[in-house]
């Protein structure tokens, strides 16, 4: 019985240490301790709202063009951090830590992370920038074939008007005040 308890305690400590180490700031604030203002600030600082839909196998980033351009910056910031040079390095972004970027040998979009080698992630940043350069508000840009054609998931950029507040899309935690219209479809 004592060995079983010891294993459970070690597993709990290991999980806690993993979550602390994988947090971008090294500090983790439990979700229940986040106020609505903390969450809104988190989305606004990120520049876009991020949502993973496992049923439809899609990562959706929702924001204005300027806000969505924070995503390539985030990818390049991840790339220049020496801690992310080895395969398996992972960082969590957003107020919930729900956006996962991971260094991995092969480019991929999975239910766990947006991943790839540092070269792949730089390529993804360039793909996003290229699409956003000509994107109009109300369009939806689907990225899979260009980045990771064998992935079961896709990345969708839901482009909104300038001045869009990404926290208004967080209906699960904050309640939605923004009407979510069906965006026009474009794909790659």
Protein backbone atom coordinates (compact mmCIF):
# COMPACT_ATOMS: atom_id res chain seq x y z
CA UNK A 1 0.00 0.00 0.00
CA UNK A 2 2.81 2.43 0.85
CA UNK A 3 4.55 1.93 -2.55
CA UNK A 4 1.25 2.70 -4.29
CA UNK A 5 0.82 5.93 -2.33
CA UNK A 6 4.44 6.88 -3.03
CA UNK A 7 3.91 6.34 -6.77
CA UNK A 8 0.74 8.48 -6.71
CA UNK A 9 2.55 11.30 -4.89
CA UNK A 10 5.50 11.17 -7.30
CA UNK A 11 3.15 11.22 -10.29
CA UNK A 12 1.35 14.28 -8.89
CA UNK A 13 4.60 16.12 -8.20
CA UNK A 14 5.91 15.24 -11.67
CA UNK A 15 2.76 16.55 -13.33
CA UNK A 16 2.93 19.78 -11.31
CA UNK A 17 6.59 20.30 -12.21
CA UNK A 18 5.86 19.61 -15.90
CA UNK A 19 3.06 22.20 -15.98
CA UNK A 20 5.27 24.76 -14.23
CA UNK A 21 8.15 24.18 -16.64
CA UNK A 22 5.93 24.31 -19.73
CA UNK A 23 4.34 27.64 -18.81
CA UNK A 24 5.90 30.47 -20.89
CA UNK A 25 6.53 32.61 -17.83
CA UNK A 26 7.44 29.67 -15.64
CA UNK A 27 4.50 30.56 -13.43
CA UNK A 28 1.11 29.01 -13.59
CA UNK A 29 -2.08 30.62 -12.40
CA UNK A 30 -4.91 28.14 -11.91
CA UNK A 31 -7.83 28.75 -14.26
CA UNK A 32 -10.25 29.27 -11.40
CA UNK A 33 -8.01 32.09 -10.10
CA UNK A 34 -8.26 34.04 -13.35
CA UNK A 35 -10.73 36.89 -13.25
CA UNK A 36 -12.72 37.85 -16.33
CA UNK A 37 -10.42 40.85 -16.69
CA UNK A 38 -7.32 38.59 -16.54
CA UNK A 39 -8.78 36.44 -19.31
CA UNK A 40 -9.73 39.44 -21.46
CA UNK A 41 -6.26 40.92 -20.97
CA UNK A 42 -4.70 37.56 -21.91
CA UNK A 43 -6.55 37.38 -25.23
CA UNK A 44 -5.85 41.03 -25.99
CA UNK A 45 -2.13 40.61 -25.28
CA UNK A 46 -2.03 37.50 -27.48
CA UNK A 47 -3.76 39.52 -30.23
CA UNK A 48 -6.24 36.82 -31.20
CA UNK A 49 -8.58 34.21 -29.75
CA UNK A 50 -7.53 30.57 -30.10
CA UNK A 51 -9.85 27.60 -30.05
CA UNK A 52 -9.20 23.92 -30.67
CA UNK A 53 -12.16 22.01 -32.08
CA UNK A 54 -11.37 18.28 -31.87
CA UNK A 55 -14.67 17.27 -33.48
CA UNK A 56 -13.91 19.24 -36.66
CA UNK A 57 -10.14 18.81 -36.25
CA UNK A 58 -9.30 22.47 -36.51
CA UNK A 59 -7.30 25.10 -34.64
CA UNK A 60 -9.09 28.42 -35.16
CA UNK A 61 -7.36 31.74 -34.53
CA UNK A 62 -9.81 34.66 -34.57
CA UNK A 63 -8.69 38.26 -34.77
CA UNK A 64 -8.12 41.31 -36.92
CA UNK A 65 -5.30 41.14 -39.46
CA UNK A 66 -3.07 43.09 -37.07
CA UNK A 67 -3.98 40.77 -34.20
CA UNK A 68 -3.47 37.60 -36.25
CA UNK A 69 -0.03 38.88 -37.28
CA UNK A 70 0.96 38.34 -33.65
CA UNK A 71 0.88 34.59 -34.40
CA UNK A 72 3.91 34.63 -36.76
CA UNK A 73 5.69 36.83 -34.19
CA UNK A 74 4.84 34.29 -31.49
CA UNK A 75 6.20 31.45 -33.66
CA UNK A 76 9.44 33.32 -34.30
CA UNK A 77 9.76 34.21 -30.62
CA UNK A 78 9.39 30.50 -29.84
CA UNK A 79 12.07 29.70 -32.43
CA UNK A 80 14.71 32.06 -31.05
CA UNK A 81 14.35 30.79 -27.47
CA UNK A 82 17.25 28.33 -26.98
CA UNK A 83 15.05 26.28 -24.63
CA UNK A 84 12.93 25.31 -27.64
CA UNK A 85 15.77 24.01 -29.83
CA UNK A 86 15.32 20.33 -29.00
CA UNK A 87 12.51 18.05 -30.16
CA UNK A 88 9.67 17.92 -27.68
CA UNK A 89 10.14 21.47 -26.38
CA UNK A 90 6.69 22.95 -25.91
CA UNK A 91 5.21 26.27 -24.84
CA UNK A 92 1.62 27.16 -23.99
CA UNK A 93 0.12 30.53 -24.89
CA UNK A 94 -3.08 32.43 -24.14
CA UNK A 95 -4.88 32.96 -20.86
CA UNK A 96 -5.73 29.25 -20.58
CA UNK A 97 -2.46 27.99 -22.06
CA UNK A 98 -4.56 26.36 -24.77
CA UNK A 99 -2.35 27.32 -27.73
CA UNK A 100 0.50 24.79 -27.77
CA UNK A 101 3.56 25.24 -29.96
CA UNK A 102 6.01 22.35 -30.04
CA UNK A 103 9.38 21.58 -31.59
CA UNK A 104 9.09 18.30 -33.47
CA UNK A 105 10.93 16.58 -36.31
CA UNK A 106 7.95 16.74 -38.68
CA UNK A 107 5.54 19.58 -39.38
CA UNK A 108 2.10 18.84 -38.04
CA UNK A 109 -1.21 20.15 -36.76
CA UNK A 110 -2.55 17.80 -34.11
CA UNK A 111 -5.05 17.81 -31.29
CA UNK A 112 -2.14 18.46 -28.92
CA UNK A 113 -0.02 21.10 -30.61
CA UNK A 114 0.99 23.07 -33.66
CA UNK A 115 4.39 21.57 -34.20
CA UNK A 116 7.40 21.32 -36.43
CA UNK A 117 11.12 21.83 -36.67
CA UNK A 118 12.29 25.41 -36.17
CA UNK A 119 12.54 25.67 -39.98
CA UNK A 120 8.99 24.33 -40.33
CA UNK A 121 7.64 26.81 -37.78
CA UNK A 122 9.36 29.67 -39.63
CA UNK A 123 7.75 28.42 -42.85
CA UNK A 124 4.34 28.40 -41.11
CA UNK A 125 4.93 31.98 -39.94
CA UNK A 126 5.67 32.99 -43.54
CA UNK A 127 2.58 31.17 -44.85
CA UNK A 128 0.38 33.01 -42.34
CA UNK A 129 1.94 36.38 -43.19
CA UNK A 130 1.48 35.79 -46.92
CA UNK A 131 -2.22 34.95 -46.51
CA UNK A 132 -2.87 37.83 -44.13
CA UNK A 133 -1.26 40.34 -46.50
CA UNK A 134 -4.27 40.05 -48.82
CA UNK A 135 -6.97 38.88 -46.39
CA UNK A 136 -10.17 40.86 -46.04
CA UNK A 137 -12.29 41.01 -42.88
CA UNK A 138 -14.90 38.26 -42.96
CA UNK A 139 -12.66 35.72 -44.67
CA UNK A 140 -11.55 32.41 -43.29
CA UNK A 141 -8.14 31.10 -44.35
CA UNK A 142 -7.59 27.35 -44.03
CA UNK A 143 -3.97 26.19 -43.81
CA UNK A 144 -3.07 22.53 -43.96
CA UNK A 145 -1.88 21.49 -47.41
CA UNK A 146 0.82 24.17 -47.52
CA UNK A 147 2.20 23.36 -44.11
CA UNK A 148 1.48 19.76 -43.16
CA UNK A 149 -0.57 17.95 -45.83
CA UNK A 150 -0.63 14.67 -43.89
CA UNK A 151 -2.06 16.28 -40.74
CA UNK A 152 -5.55 15.35 -39.64
CA UNK A 153 -6.06 18.89 -38.27
CA UNK A 154 -6.02 22.27 -40.02
CA UNK A 155 -5.26 25.81 -38.93
CA UNK A 156 -8.00 28.36 -39.69
CA UNK A 157 -7.45 32.11 -39.53
CA UNK A 158 -10.82 33.80 -38.97
CA UNK A 159 -10.12 37.38 -40.10
CA UNK A 160 -12.18 40.10 -38.44
CA UNK A 161 -12.36 43.88 -38.86
CA UNK A 162 -9.71 46.23 -37.53
CA UNK A 163 -10.27 46.98 -33.85
CA UNK A 164 -11.74 43.53 -33.18
CA UNK A 165 -11.48 42.51 -29.51
CA UNK A 166 -10.37 38.85 -29.39
CA UNK A 167 -11.80 38.40 -25.90
CA UNK A 168 -15.31 38.93 -27.31
CA UNK A 169 -15.08 35.50 -28.95
CA UNK A 170 -14.49 33.67 -25.66
CA UNK A 171 -18.09 32.63 -25.14
CA UNK A 172 -17.24 29.58 -23.02
CA UNK A 173 -15.79 31.52 -20.11
CA UNK A 174 -16.83 35.14 -20.63
CA UNK A 175 -20.08 34.90 -22.58
CA UNK A 176 -20.10 36.22 -26.10
CA UNK A 177 -21.09 39.78 -26.84
CA UNK A 178 -20.00 39.55 -30.46
CA UNK A 179 -22.18 38.02 -33.12
CA UNK A 180 -20.24 35.23 -34.79
CA UNK A 181 -21.20 35.39 -38.43
CA UNK A 182 -20.19 32.74 -40.91
CA UNK A 183 -16.94 33.94 -42.47
CA UNK A 184 -16.32 33.75 -46.21
CA UNK A 185 -14.23 30.71 -47.05
CA UNK A 186 -10.82 30.70 -48.67
CA UNK A 187 -8.47 27.77 -48.50
CA UNK A 188 -4.98 26.56 -49.17
